[in-house]
Amino acid sequence: MNGRLRDDEVVVGGDARQRYYDSRGYGRPLDGNEIALSRVEAAHLLLRGDLDSVAEMNFHEFLQEATGDGFAARFLVYADLRERGFYLSPDRSEWVTDPLADSDFVVYPRGSGPWDDEVLYRLRVASERETIPASRLGDVVLAIVDEESEITYFETDRTEISGTTNHDAPTNISGSLLADRVLVWDAPDELHRESFYGQPMGGRNPAGVLQLSLVEAAHLVAEGNLSVSGGYDEIVTRGRDVEGERFDRRLYVYRKLREQNVVPKTGFKFGADFRTYADVESVDELGHSEFLIRVVRGGHAFSPRDLALDVRLAHGVRKKMIFALVAENERITDWLSVTRLTP
């Protein structure tokens, strides 16, 4: 059976509707028994030998003619998912049910197809060397094709973070700004033990000295629990001296997490900005942190290599990777979770 090119589609007649669409979910129906295939679908049928030619081109010739605009990566992902038993349809044409969807394919649950209303997920395809805007992730599966044509799938979602840690920090605490931290003298025991602020200085810390990070101290000063010479502005100025304008974004995210009854602590040893604890009753009975959080600008674009590294590390330490997307002008945070997926 042969196909003919029509704009960016391949039209096939004869018994094409029953042979390709009704039985295996390829293409979209036209009048009569004709169907329109996307170029990716047509290439897959040519590869399988289910289609003889397109405009007198065989698979090799058709693939060479169709290169450009990420076609090769999309074809590899399409073929991989077909081999895994999924039906999928292109999601970038005039016949998409949701034309605003920012994805390449609609993937259906096994046993379902384009004639059903059920969608398993929408899928975006990228090559290893592309950059991926954060704004185009969330509620899609990201398929990254590396230089050896292997495919890694990531599930991305816009999510919410909340916890049950609801300890009111003590008030009337004073501290001293020292380099890139604040020292609290004679710190109330519950400040660290129950609310999980700071770290005691040295071993059993008989002197009762508690070290606070600059984001912890700025938050406590803003909430009226802590007084420091120079106040909130002095701590923020010191934070900007230490890490530039990035400090403001980290402080904003820290305060948002505390508002949601989540305890953020440094994520440095995991290569992140924070690790988080949703339910802290006592530091003595502290469980594992649940999330690793990296703070980025709202307009951030991910390098696939860096994204894969972050997610792999989080998975290796039994945590979920969350990116806090902070819009500079609106001060709104979106929480973007990214996890490995095996289709």
Protein backbone atom coordinates (compact mmCIF):
# COMPACT_ATOMS: atom_id res chain seq x y z
CA MET A 1 0.00 0.00 0.00
CA ASN A 2 1.29 3.46 -0.91
CA GLY A 3 0.75 6.93 0.53
CA ARG A 4 0.79 10.39 -0.99
CA LEU A 5 2.01 13.62 0.57
CA ARG A 6 -0.51 16.35 1.34
CA ASP A 7 1.02 19.34 3.07
CA ASP A 8 2.63 17.85 6.20
CA GLU A 9 0.57 14.65 6.21
CA VAL A 10 0.54 11.35 4.36
CA VAL A 11 -2.83 10.29 2.92
CA VAL A 12 -3.51 6.60 2.40
CA GLY A 13 -6.59 5.16 0.67
CA GLY A 14 -7.94 1.69 0.00
CA ASP A 15 -8.76 -0.16 3.22
CA ALA A 16 -6.46 2.15 5.24
CA ARG A 17 -9.05 3.07 7.85
CA GLN A 18 -9.72 -0.51 8.91
CA ARG A 19 -6.12 -1.61 8.43
CA TYR A 20 -4.35 1.22 10.24
CA TYR A 21 -6.75 3.35 12.27
CA ASP A 22 -9.47 0.98 13.50
CA SER A 23 -7.15 -1.91 14.31
CA ARG A 24 -3.93 -0.19 15.40
CA GLY A 25 -4.65 3.48 16.12
CA TYR A 26 -2.58 5.06 13.32
CA GLY A 27 -3.63 8.38 11.80
CA ARG A 28 -7.00 10.11 11.68
CA PRO A 29 -10.00 9.22 9.54
CA LEU A 30 -10.87 11.21 6.42
CA ASP A 31 -13.84 10.77 4.10
CA GLY A 32 -14.57 7.22 3.12
CA ASN A 33 -11.82 4.77 4.00
CA GLU A 34 -8.93 7.21 3.67
CA ILE A 35 -6.78 8.26 6.64
CA ALA A 36 -4.21 10.98 7.18
CA LEU A 37 -0.95 9.94 8.84
CA SER A 38 1.56 12.24 10.44
CA ARG A 39 5.06 11.90 8.99
CA VAL A 40 6.22 10.13 12.14
CA GLU A 41 3.41 7.56 11.86
CA ALA A 42 4.10 7.05 8.16
CA ALA A 43 7.81 6.54 8.86
CA HIS A 44 7.01 3.89 11.46
CA LEU A 45 4.73 2.02 9.06
CA LEU A 46 7.44 2.19 6.38
CA LEU A 47 9.99 0.83 8.85
CA ARG A 48 7.69 -2.10 9.70
CA GLY A 49 6.99 -2.82 6.05
CA ASP A 50 3.26 -2.12 6.56
CA LEU A 51 3.44 0.73 4.07
CA ASP A 52 5.27 0.25 0.78
CA SER A 53 6.14 3.84 -0.07
CA VAL A 54 5.23 7.50 0.39
CA ALA A 55 5.35 9.60 -2.77
CA GLU A 56 7.49 6.81 -4.27
CA MET A 57 9.98 7.07 -1.39
CA ASN A 58 11.05 4.07 0.69
CA PHE A 59 11.84 4.28 4.42
CA HIS A 60 15.44 5.42 3.93
CA GLU A 61 14.51 8.12 1.40
CA PHE A 62 11.50 9.29 3.40
CA LEU A 63 13.52 9.57 6.62
CA GLN A 64 16.17 11.67 4.88
CA GLU A 65 13.52 13.94 3.36
CA ALA A 66 11.78 14.42 6.72
CA THR A 67 14.82 15.44 8.80
CA GLY A 68 14.70 18.74 10.67
CA ASP A 69 12.65 20.21 13.50
CA GLY A 70 13.45 17.33 15.84
CA PHE A 71 11.87 14.73 13.58
CA ALA A 72 14.49 12.06 14.28
CA ALA A 73 14.06 12.31 18.06
CA ARG A 74 10.26 12.20 17.79
CA PHE A 75 10.43 9.19 15.50
CA LEU A 76 12.69 7.29 17.93
CA VAL A 77 10.35 7.97 20.85
CA TYR A 78 7.28 7.07 18.80
CA ALA A 79 8.84 3.76 17.74
CA ASP A 80 9.96 2.97 21.29
CA LEU A 81 6.50 3.46 22.77
CA ARG A 82 4.87 1.46 19.96
CA GLU A 83 7.24 -1.39 20.73
CA ARG A 84 6.16 -1.15 24.39
CA GLY A 85 2.56 -1.72 23.36
CA PHE A 86 1.19 1.84 23.48
CA TYR A 87 -0.93 3.64 20.90
CA LEU A 88 -0.09 7.31 20.55
CA SER A 89 -1.09 10.23 18.35
CA PRO A 90 0.67 13.44 17.32
CA ASP A 91 -0.22 16.44 19.46
CA ARG A 92 0.98 19.23 17.16
CA SER A 93 -1.47 19.60 14.32
CA GLU A 94 -4.85 21.06 13.45
CA TRP A 95 -6.63 17.84 14.43
CA VAL A 96 -5.51 17.74 18.07
CA THR A 97 -8.40 17.74 20.56
CA ASP A 98 -6.46 20.15 22.78
CA PRO A 99 -4.60 22.57 20.47
CA LEU A 100 -3.11 24.43 23.44
CA ALA A 101 -1.31 21.34 24.71
CA ASP A 102 2.43 21.91 24.70
CA SER A 103 3.45 18.37 23.81
CA ASP A 104 4.45 16.20 20.89
CA PHE A 105 2.30 13.12 21.46
CA VAL A 106 -0.81 11.97 23.27
CA VAL A 107 -0.19 8.53 24.77
CA TYR A 108 -3.17 6.28 25.52
CA PRO A 109 -3.44 3.55 28.17
CA ARG A 110 -2.70 0.05 26.94
CA GLY A 111 -5.82 -1.28 25.31
CA SER A 112 -7.04 2.23 24.40
CA GLY A 113 -6.51 4.41 21.37
CA PRO A 114 -7.43 7.69 19.67
CA TRP A 115 -11.08 6.63 19.46
CA ASP A 116 -11.29 6.67 23.30
CA ASP A 117 -11.45 9.69 25.60
CA GLU A 118 -8.87 8.37 28.06
CA VAL A 119 -5.32 9.81 27.94
CA LEU A 120 -2.46 8.24 29.90
CA TYR A 121 -0.17 11.25 29.50
CA ARG A 122 1.00 13.90 27.12
CA LEU A 123 4.59 13.62 25.99
CA ARG A 124 7.27 16.15 25.06
CA VAL A 125 10.36 15.06 23.17
CA ALA A 126 13.78 16.70 23.44
CA SER A 127 17.30 15.76 22.44
CA GLU A 128 20.15 15.65 24.93
CA ARG A 129 21.58 18.89 23.54
CA GLU A 130 18.43 21.02 23.68
CA THR A 131 17.51 23.37 26.48
CA ILE A 132 14.05 22.89 27.93
CA PRO A 133 12.13 25.91 29.28
CA ALA A 134 10.64 25.24 32.70
CA SER A 135 7.43 26.86 31.48
CA ARG A 136 6.91 23.95 29.08
CA LEU A 137 7.04 21.31 31.80
CA GLY A 138 4.41 20.20 34.29
CA ASP A 139 1.63 17.70 33.58
CA VAL A 140 3.67 16.21 30.74
CA VAL A 141 6.12 13.35 30.39
CA LEU A 142 9.49 14.44 29.03
CA ALA A 143 11.31 12.00 26.75
CA ILE A 144 14.99 12.85 26.31
CA VAL A 145 16.90 11.18 23.46
CA ASP A 146 20.65 11.01 24.09
CA GLU A 147 23.49 10.90 21.58
CA GLU A 148 23.31 7.09 21.36
CA SER A 149 19.55 7.21 20.68
CA GLU A 150 18.68 5.84 24.11
CA ILE A 151 15.57 7.37 25.68
CA THR A 152 15.03 8.47 29.28
CA TYR A 153 11.54 9.37 30.44
CA PHE A 154 10.72 11.88 33.17
CA GLU A 155 7.33 12.59 34.65
CA THR A 156 6.86 16.32 35.39
CA ASP A 157 4.06 17.80 37.47
CA ARG A 158 3.10 21.12 39.00
CA THR A 159 2.49 20.23 42.61
CA GLU A 160 1.88 21.65 46.07
CA ILE A 161 4.05 21.18 49.14
CA SER A 162 2.60 21.12 52.64
CA GLY A 163 3.41 19.64 56.02
CA THR A 164 2.18 19.35 59.57
CA THR A 165 5.07 20.92 61.46
CA ASN A 166 3.36 23.68 63.41
CA HIS A 167 5.70 24.67 66.22
CA ASP A 168 5.70 28.30 67.20
CA ALA A 169 9.27 29.44 67.64
CA PRO A 170 10.14 31.16 70.95
CA THR A 171 10.20 34.97 71.01
CA ASN A 172 12.52 37.54 72.59
CA ILE A 173 15.61 35.83 71.18
CA SER A 174 18.71 37.86 70.36
CA GLY A 175 21.60 36.97 68.11
CA SER A 176 24.79 38.31 66.56
CA LEU A 177 25.54 38.50 62.85
CA LEU A 178 28.91 36.89 62.25
CA ALA A 179 30.18 36.49 58.66
CA ASP A 180 27.61 34.33 56.83
CA ARG A 181 25.61 33.15 59.86
CA VAL A 182 23.92 34.34 63.02
CA LEU A 183 24.85 33.06 66.49
CA VAL A 184 22.15 32.87 69.12
CA TRP A 185 23.46 32.97 72.70
CA ASP A 186 21.60 30.99 75.35
CA ALA A 187 19.21 29.74 72.70
CA PRO A 188 15.96 28.21 74.00
CA ASP A 189 16.21 24.46 73.66
CA GLU A 190 12.94 24.18 71.72
CA LEU A 191 14.16 26.51 68.97
CA HIS A 192 16.27 23.70 67.57
CA ARG A 193 14.81 20.59 69.20
CA GLU A 194 11.16 21.19 68.23
CA SER A 195 11.15 23.82 65.48
CA PHE A 196 14.40 22.58 63.89
CA TYR A 197 16.09 25.94 63.45
CA GLY A 198 19.88 26.09 63.27
CA GLN A 199 22.58 23.76 64.50
CA PRO A 200 24.11 23.64 68.00
CA MET A 201 27.72 24.77 68.10
CA GLY A 202 30.03 21.89 68.83
CA GLY A 203 29.06 18.54 70.31
CA ARG A 204 26.73 18.66 73.29
CA ASN A 205 26.99 22.46 73.26
CA PRO A 206 27.00 23.16 77.00
CA ALA A 207 27.11 26.90 76.28
CA GLY A 208 23.77 26.77 74.49
CA VAL A 209 25.04 28.53 71.33
CA LEU A 210 22.93 27.95 68.21
CA GLN A 211 24.13 28.72 64.69
CA LEU A 212 21.50 29.98 62.27
CA SER A 213 21.90 30.27 58.51
CA LEU A 214 21.17 33.68 57.02
CA VAL A 215 17.85 32.52 55.56
CA GLU A 216 16.78 31.07 58.91
CA ALA A 217 17.79 34.24 60.73
CA ALA A 218 16.10 36.55 58.20
CA HIS A 219 12.87 34.56 58.52
CA LEU A 220 12.91 34.64 62.33
CA VAL A 221 13.62 38.38 62.37
CA ALA A 222 10.80 39.02 59.87
CA GLU A 223 8.44 36.99 62.06
CA GLY A 224 9.41 38.95 65.17
CA ASN A 225 11.04 36.05 67.01
CA LEU A 226 14.65 37.19 66.75
CA SER A 227 16.44 40.52 67.12
CA VAL A 228 19.80 41.20 65.51
CA SER A 229 21.74 44.45 65.34
CA GLY A 230 20.82 46.09 62.03
CA GLY A 231 17.67 43.97 61.79
CA TYR A 232 16.25 42.26 58.76
CA ASP A 233 17.83 44.63 56.24
CA GLU A 234 21.31 43.97 57.58
CA ILE A 235 20.89 40.20 57.29
CA VAL A 236 19.53 40.46 53.74
CA THR A 237 22.39 42.78 52.77
CA ARG A 238 24.87 40.25 54.13
CA GLY A 239 23.09 37.47 52.23
CA ARG A 240 23.33 39.40 48.98
CA ASP A 241 27.01 40.06 49.65
CA VAL A 242 27.57 36.33 50.06
CA GLU A 243 25.55 34.96 47.11
CA GLY A 244 24.14 37.88 45.12
CA GLU A 245 20.51 38.25 44.14
CA ARG A 246 20.08 34.47 44.38
CA PHE A 247 19.76 34.97 48.15
CA ASP A 248 16.42 36.76 47.72
CA ARG A 249 14.95 33.83 45.79
CA ARG A 250 16.17 31.30 48.34
CA LEU A 251 14.83 33.36 51.22
CA TYR A 252 11.47 33.72 49.49
CA VAL A 253 11.22 29.95 48.99
CA TYR A 254 12.36 29.27 52.55
CA ARG A 255 9.62 31.49 53.94
CA LYS A 256 7.00 29.92 51.65
CA LEU A 257 7.94 26.47 52.92
CA ARG A 258 7.73 27.53 56.55
CA GLU A 259 4.31 29.06 55.85
CA GLN A 260 3.23 25.63 54.57
CA ASN A 261 4.37 23.99 57.84
CA VAL A 262 7.36 22.38 56.12
CA VAL A 263 10.86 22.55 57.62
CA PRO A 264 13.58 23.39 55.08
CA LYS A 265 17.22 22.66 55.87
CA THR A 266 20.26 23.07 53.70
CA GLY A 267 20.51 20.63 50.80
CA PHE A 268 24.18 21.33 50.14
CA LYS A 269 25.43 17.76 50.55
CA PHE A 270 22.87 16.66 47.96
CA GLY A 271 23.70 19.45 45.52
CA ALA A 272 20.39 21.24 46.17
CA ASP A 273 19.25 24.40 47.94
CA PHE A 274 17.08 22.68 50.54
CA ARG A 275 16.00 19.33 51.86
CA THR A 276 12.59 19.34 53.51
CA TYR A 277 10.78 17.65 56.41
CA ALA A 278 6.99 17.63 56.42
CA ASP A 279 6.40 16.49 60.00
CA VAL A 280 8.87 17.37 62.74
CA GLU A 281 7.87 16.48 66.29
CA SER A 282 11.36 16.34 67.69
CA VAL A 283 14.86 16.47 66.21
CA ASP A 284 15.64 13.38 68.29
CA GLU A 285 13.05 11.41 66.28
CA LEU A 286 13.70 12.98 62.91
CA GLY A 287 12.91 10.82 59.90
CA HIS A 288 14.24 11.10 56.36
CA SER A 289 13.63 14.29 54.44
CA GLU A 290 11.13 13.89 51.61
CA PHE A 291 12.15 16.42 48.98
CA LEU A 292 15.24 18.03 47.53
CA ILE A 293 14.51 21.56 46.35
CA ARG A 294 16.47 23.60 43.87
CA VAL A 295 15.50 27.26 43.50
CA VAL A 296 15.52 28.64 39.95
CA ARG A 297 14.09 31.61 38.10
CA GLY A 298 10.61 31.26 36.65
CA GLY A 299 12.07 31.68 33.14
CA HIS A 300 14.71 29.00 33.74
CA ALA A 301 15.66 26.63 30.92
CA PHE A 302 16.93 23.19 31.91
CA SER A 303 19.91 21.43 30.44
CA PRO A 304 18.80 17.79 30.01
CA ARG A 305 22.13 16.60 31.38
CA ASP A 306 21.75 18.66 34.57
CA LEU A 307 18.11 17.67 34.93
CA ALA A 308 18.98 13.98 34.67
CA LEU A 309 21.77 14.43 37.24
CA ASP A 310 19.47 16.13 39.77
CA VAL A 311 16.72 13.54 39.41
CA ARG A 312 19.14 10.61 39.56
CA LEU A 313 20.76 11.95 42.73
CA ALA A 314 17.40 12.55 44.42
CA HIS A 315 16.25 9.04 43.54
CA GLY A 316 19.50 7.59 44.86
CA VAL A 317 18.91 9.12 48.30
CA ARG A 318 15.18 8.20 48.33
CA LYS A 319 13.86 11.70 47.79
CA LYS A 320 11.82 13.49 45.13
CA MET A 321 13.33 16.35 43.14
CA ILE A 322 11.37 19.60 43.27
CA PHE A 323 12.26 22.79 41.43
CA ALA A 324 10.95 26.01 42.95
CA LEU A 325 10.25 28.38 40.05
CA VAL A 326 10.31 31.95 41.33
CA ALA A 327 8.96 34.70 39.07
CA GLU A 328 10.99 37.82 39.76
CA ASN A 329 8.21 40.33 39.18
CA GLU A 330 5.21 38.54 40.71
CA ARG A 331 7.03 36.67 43.48
CA ILE A 332 4.97 33.58 42.75
CA THR A 333 6.42 30.13 43.27
CA ASP A 334 5.46 27.10 41.22
CA TRP A 335 6.65 23.75 42.51
CA LEU A 336 7.77 21.50 39.64
CA SER A 337 8.37 17.87 40.53
CA VAL A 338 10.45 15.70 38.19
CA THR A 339 10.82 11.93 38.58
CA ARG A 340 12.10 9.06 36.45
CA LEU A 341 9.40 7.11 34.63
CA THR A 342 9.44 3.66 33.07
CA PRO A 343 6.56 3.50 30.56
